[in-house]
Amino acid sequence: MLAIIANFTLFQSAWFAAILGGANGQEFLGCLPALGAVILYLFLNQRRLVREVALLVGISLLGAVFETVLIAAGWIAYTGRAQDSILPPIWIVALWLAFATLPHGSLLWLRGRPWLQGVLGAISGPLSYLAGVKLGAATLPEPPMIALLAIGVGWAIMLPLIFKLADGISGERQA
């Protein structure tokens, strides 16, 4: 139970640091807590190190592609990024890397519940982006509800996909 609480707390800390770093032009500094959370996660999962590294890389790449689609579609613009750049900032990639610790960590309770994963993704995804916007790390186009709806649909697909990837890499199947 302590590991689950620590995983959740470390991710939340990494989220705030990355968002505030991105909002204040301190991208690399904002990445440090995420990297620390990942290093600790890997240290605590040494027995499954190869699989966990594969999971972290897989989810991070999937997240980077998702962010690129959001940026290219004009549904989000990150503070300090060039207008013509469709690549996500480094702190977003670091955030996805930290997020990749959650399916086998504090979100393990969602395993085998794809409908709940989709609903949670549809709700928590847009709320997370909206919080980032409110903290100054990004902007949404007008009207913002359309972008938030698109982000919600994306996350409703992404979260079950992330769990499917996690189960595939770990050699397990969802119920």
Protein backbone atom coordinates (compact mmCIF):
# COMPACT_ATOMS: atom_id res chain seq x y z
CA MET A 1 0.00 0.00 0.00
CA LEU A 2 2.87 2.36 0.79
CA ALA A 3 4.31 1.83 -2.71
CA ILE A 4 0.95 2.76 -4.28
CA ILE A 5 0.66 5.93 -2.21
CA ALA A 6 4.27 6.82 -3.01
CA ASN A 7 3.68 6.23 -6.73
CA PHE A 8 0.60 8.46 -6.72
CA THR A 9 2.31 11.19 -4.69
CA LEU A 10 5.45 11.16 -6.82
CA PHE A 11 3.43 11.39 -10.02
CA GLN A 12 1.37 14.29 -8.70
CA SER A 13 4.57 16.07 -7.65
CA ALA A 14 6.08 15.41 -11.08
CA TRP A 15 2.91 16.71 -12.74
CA PHE A 16 2.99 20.01 -10.83
CA ALA A 17 6.73 20.46 -11.37
CA ALA A 18 6.48 19.77 -15.11
CA ILE A 19 3.48 22.08 -15.54
CA LEU A 20 5.02 24.90 -13.52
CA GLY A 21 8.38 24.41 -15.24
CA GLY A 22 6.72 24.58 -18.66
CA ALA A 23 4.66 27.62 -17.67
CA ASN A 24 7.69 29.50 -16.36
CA GLY A 25 10.30 28.70 -19.02
CA GLN A 26 12.09 26.18 -16.78
CA GLU A 27 11.43 23.11 -18.93
CA PHE A 28 14.47 21.08 -17.90
CA LEU A 29 14.10 21.90 -14.23
CA GLY A 30 10.44 20.88 -14.47
CA CYS A 31 11.52 17.47 -15.79
CA LEU A 32 13.65 16.53 -12.78
CA PRO A 33 10.89 15.27 -10.45
CA ALA A 34 9.46 13.14 -13.28
CA LEU A 35 12.87 11.61 -13.90
CA GLY A 36 13.33 11.06 -10.17
CA ALA A 37 9.96 9.30 -9.95
CA VAL A 38 10.89 7.06 -12.88
CA ILE A 39 14.30 6.19 -11.44
CA LEU A 40 12.74 5.28 -8.09
CA TYR A 41 10.04 3.23 -9.84
CA LEU A 42 12.65 1.28 -11.80
CA PHE A 43 14.73 0.76 -8.66
CA LEU A 44 11.71 -0.70 -6.88
CA ASN A 45 10.90 -2.92 -9.87
CA GLN A 46 14.37 -4.31 -10.60
CA ARG A 47 13.10 -7.88 -10.97
CA ARG A 48 11.01 -6.80 -13.97
CA LEU A 49 13.41 -4.13 -15.18
CA VAL A 50 13.42 -5.00 -18.89
CA ARG A 51 9.62 -5.20 -19.06
CA GLU A 52 9.16 -2.00 -17.06
CA VAL A 53 11.62 -0.09 -19.24
CA ALA A 54 9.76 -1.37 -22.32
CA LEU A 55 6.49 -0.21 -20.75
CA LEU A 56 7.89 3.25 -19.93
CA VAL A 57 9.26 3.66 -23.45
CA GLY A 58 6.07 2.35 -25.09
CA ILE A 59 3.72 4.59 -23.13
CA SER A 60 6.00 7.60 -23.54
CA LEU A 61 6.14 7.14 -27.30
CA LEU A 62 2.37 6.65 -27.46
CA GLY A 63 1.93 9.80 -25.37
CA ALA A 64 4.31 11.80 -27.57
CA VAL A 65 2.33 10.77 -30.66
CA PHE A 66 -0.94 11.69 -28.91
CA GLU A 67 0.44 15.10 -27.94
CA THR A 68 1.71 15.66 -31.49
CA VAL A 69 -1.79 14.96 -32.83
CA LEU A 70 -3.33 17.38 -30.31
CA ILE A 71 -0.84 20.10 -31.24
CA ALA A 72 -1.12 19.51 -35.00
CA ALA A 73 -4.93 19.62 -34.79
CA GLY A 74 -4.71 22.94 -32.96
CA TRP A 75 -6.45 21.61 -29.84
CA ILE A 76 -3.62 22.70 -27.56
CA ALA A 77 -0.62 25.03 -27.75
CA TYR A 78 2.13 24.81 -25.16
CA THR A 79 3.63 27.94 -23.66
CA GLY A 80 7.00 28.90 -25.09
CA ARG A 81 6.78 26.66 -28.16
CA ALA A 82 7.24 27.93 -31.69
CA GLN A 83 3.93 28.31 -33.56
CA ASP A 84 5.04 25.97 -36.35
CA SER A 85 6.35 23.20 -34.07
CA ILE A 86 4.07 20.19 -33.70
CA LEU A 87 6.42 18.33 -31.37
CA PRO A 88 5.53 18.30 -27.69
CA PRO A 89 7.89 20.07 -25.28
CA ILE A 90 10.40 17.99 -23.33
CA TRP A 91 8.50 18.46 -20.07
CA ILE A 92 5.40 16.85 -21.61
CA VAL A 93 7.48 13.85 -22.68
CA ALA A 94 8.91 13.65 -19.14
CA LEU A 95 5.38 13.82 -17.78
CA TRP A 96 4.33 10.92 -20.00
CA LEU A 97 7.36 8.99 -18.78
CA ALA A 98 6.23 9.52 -15.18
CA PHE A 99 2.63 8.68 -16.13
CA ALA A 100 3.90 5.36 -17.52
CA THR A 101 4.65 4.26 -13.93
CA LEU A 102 0.94 4.36 -13.03
CA PRO A 103 -0.57 1.27 -14.76
CA HIS A 104 1.59 -1.04 -12.63
CA GLY A 105 1.49 1.40 -9.72
CA SER A 106 -1.30 3.52 -8.29
CA LEU A 107 -3.70 2.84 -11.19
CA LEU A 108 -3.34 -0.94 -10.98
CA TRP A 109 -6.87 -1.11 -9.56
CA LEU A 110 -8.13 -0.16 -13.04
CA ARG A 111 -6.62 -3.28 -14.59
CA GLY A 112 -9.22 -5.41 -16.34
CA ARG A 113 -11.81 -2.62 -16.33
CA PRO A 114 -11.61 -1.08 -19.83
CA TRP A 115 -14.97 0.72 -19.56
CA LEU A 116 -13.94 2.34 -16.30
CA GLN A 117 -10.56 3.20 -17.83
CA GLY A 118 -12.34 4.91 -20.73
CA VAL A 119 -14.68 6.86 -18.48
CA LEU A 120 -11.86 7.90 -16.17
CA GLY A 121 -9.77 8.95 -19.16
CA ALA A 122 -12.65 10.95 -20.65
CA ILE A 123 -13.08 12.87 -17.40
CA SER A 124 -9.60 13.16 -15.91
CA GLY A 125 -7.77 13.81 -19.19
CA PRO A 126 -9.51 17.10 -20.03
CA LEU A 127 -9.45 18.18 -16.37
CA SER A 128 -5.69 17.69 -16.26
CA TYR A 129 -5.17 19.71 -19.45
CA LEU A 130 -7.52 22.42 -18.20
CA ALA A 131 -5.55 22.63 -14.95
CA GLY A 132 -2.37 23.00 -16.99
CA VAL A 133 -3.98 25.81 -18.97
CA LYS A 134 -5.08 27.54 -15.74
CA LEU A 135 -1.49 27.29 -14.44
CA GLY A 136 -0.17 28.94 -17.63
CA ALA A 137 1.51 25.95 -19.29
CA ALA A 138 -0.74 25.87 -22.36
CA THR A 139 -3.61 27.50 -24.17
CA LEU A 140 -6.74 26.08 -25.76
CA PRO A 141 -8.43 27.48 -28.86
CA GLU A 142 -11.78 29.28 -28.70
CA PRO A 143 -14.18 27.86 -27.82
CA PRO A 144 -12.18 25.69 -25.40
CA MET A 145 -15.00 23.16 -24.92
CA ILE A 146 -14.42 21.72 -28.40
CA ALA A 147 -10.74 21.11 -27.65
CA LEU A 148 -11.59 19.66 -24.23
CA LEU A 149 -14.14 17.35 -25.84
CA ALA A 150 -11.51 16.17 -28.36
CA ILE A 151 -9.00 15.64 -25.54
CA GLY A 152 -11.64 13.70 -23.58
CA VAL A 153 -12.39 11.43 -26.53
CA GLY A 154 -8.66 10.94 -27.03
CA TRP A 155 -8.13 10.01 -23.39
CA ALA A 156 -11.17 7.70 -23.41
CA ILE A 157 -9.28 5.76 -26.08
CA MET A 158 -5.76 6.27 -24.72
CA LEU A 159 -6.23 4.99 -21.17
CA PRO A 160 -7.61 1.56 -22.17
CA LEU A 161 -4.93 1.39 -24.88
CA ILE A 162 -2.26 2.14 -22.28
CA PHE A 163 -3.55 -0.69 -20.07
CA LYS A 164 -3.66 -3.05 -23.03
CA LEU A 165 -0.05 -2.14 -23.78
CA ALA A 166 0.89 -2.62 -20.12
CA ASP A 167 -0.74 -6.06 -20.04
CA GLY A 168 0.86 -7.03 -23.34
CA ILE A 169 4.33 -6.06 -22.17
CA SER A 170 3.90 -7.78 -18.81
CA GLY A 171 2.52 -10.89 -20.50
CA GLU A 172 -0.84 -10.61 -18.73
CA ARG A 173 -4.35 -10.21 -20.10
CA GLN A 174 -7.15 -7.97 -18.92
CA ALA A 175 -10.28 -9.72 -17.71
